[in-house]
Amino acid sequence: MVEYVDESTWRPAQVQYPPDSDTVKSVNAEAKRVDGIVNRDQAFRECAFYYLQ
């Protein structure tokens, strides 16, 4: 899970990779704060990178 600042609200937000679905549920997701990201799509790509790393 990546925490970032949302560009439309300027409040903290979170994204998760892979997103919760019927087959995948995150139980103990580790939140990683990334400074400088304000776009949800970019935060999702960074989250995918950390997950797949």
Protein backbone atom coordinates (compact mmCIF):
# COMPACT_ATOMS: atom_id res chain seq x y z
CA MET A 1 0.00 0.00 0.00
CA VAL A 2 1.32 3.43 -0.94
CA GLU A 3 0.30 6.64 0.78
CA TYR A 4 0.44 9.84 -1.27
CA VAL A 5 -1.15 13.32 -1.38
CA ASP A 6 -4.15 13.46 -3.73
CA GLU A 7 -3.94 16.36 -6.20
CA SER A 8 -7.67 17.14 -6.14
CA THR A 9 -8.13 17.30 -2.35
CA TRP A 10 -4.53 17.82 -1.12
CA ARG A 11 -5.26 15.25 1.57
CA PRO A 12 -3.52 11.93 2.23
CA ALA A 13 -4.79 9.01 0.15
CA GLN A 14 -3.82 5.36 -0.35
CA VAL A 15 -3.64 2.85 -3.19
CA GLN A 16 -3.01 -0.87 -3.03
CA TYR A 17 -1.55 -3.37 -5.48
CA PRO A 18 -3.03 -5.80 -6.23
CA PRO A 19 -6.42 -4.25 -5.47
CA ASP A 20 -8.74 -6.23 -3.20
CA SER A 21 -11.01 -8.51 -5.19
CA ASP A 22 -12.94 -11.74 -4.71
CA THR A 23 -9.77 -13.82 -5.04
CA VAL A 24 -7.15 -11.53 -3.46
CA LYS A 25 -7.54 -9.92 -0.02
CA SER A 26 -4.74 -7.98 1.64
CA VAL A 27 -4.64 -8.84 5.33
CA ASN A 28 -1.56 -7.03 6.67
CA ALA A 29 -0.61 -4.55 3.97
CA GLU A 30 2.43 -2.45 4.79
CA ALA A 31 1.85 1.25 4.17
CA LYS A 32 4.76 3.01 2.48
CA ARG A 33 4.61 6.81 2.31
CA VAL A 34 6.03 8.25 -0.90
CA ASP A 35 6.69 11.99 -0.97
CA GLY A 36 6.28 13.91 -4.22
CA ILE A 37 3.46 11.84 -5.74
CA VAL A 38 0.14 13.64 -6.20
CA ASN A 39 -1.38 11.52 -8.98
CA ARG A 40 -3.32 8.32 -8.19
CA ASP A 41 -2.16 6.53 -11.36
CA GLN A 42 1.49 7.25 -10.56
CA ALA A 43 1.00 6.07 -6.97
CA PHE A 44 -0.56 2.84 -8.28
CA ARG A 45 2.42 2.24 -10.59
CA GLU A 46 4.86 2.86 -7.74
CA CYS A 47 2.87 0.49 -5.53
CA ALA A 48 2.99 -2.20 -8.23
CA PHE A 49 6.76 -1.70 -8.51
CA TYR A 50 7.28 -2.16 -4.75
CA TYR A 51 5.00 -5.22 -4.74
CA LEU A 52 6.72 -6.90 -7.69
CA GLN A 53 10.22 -6.00 -6.53
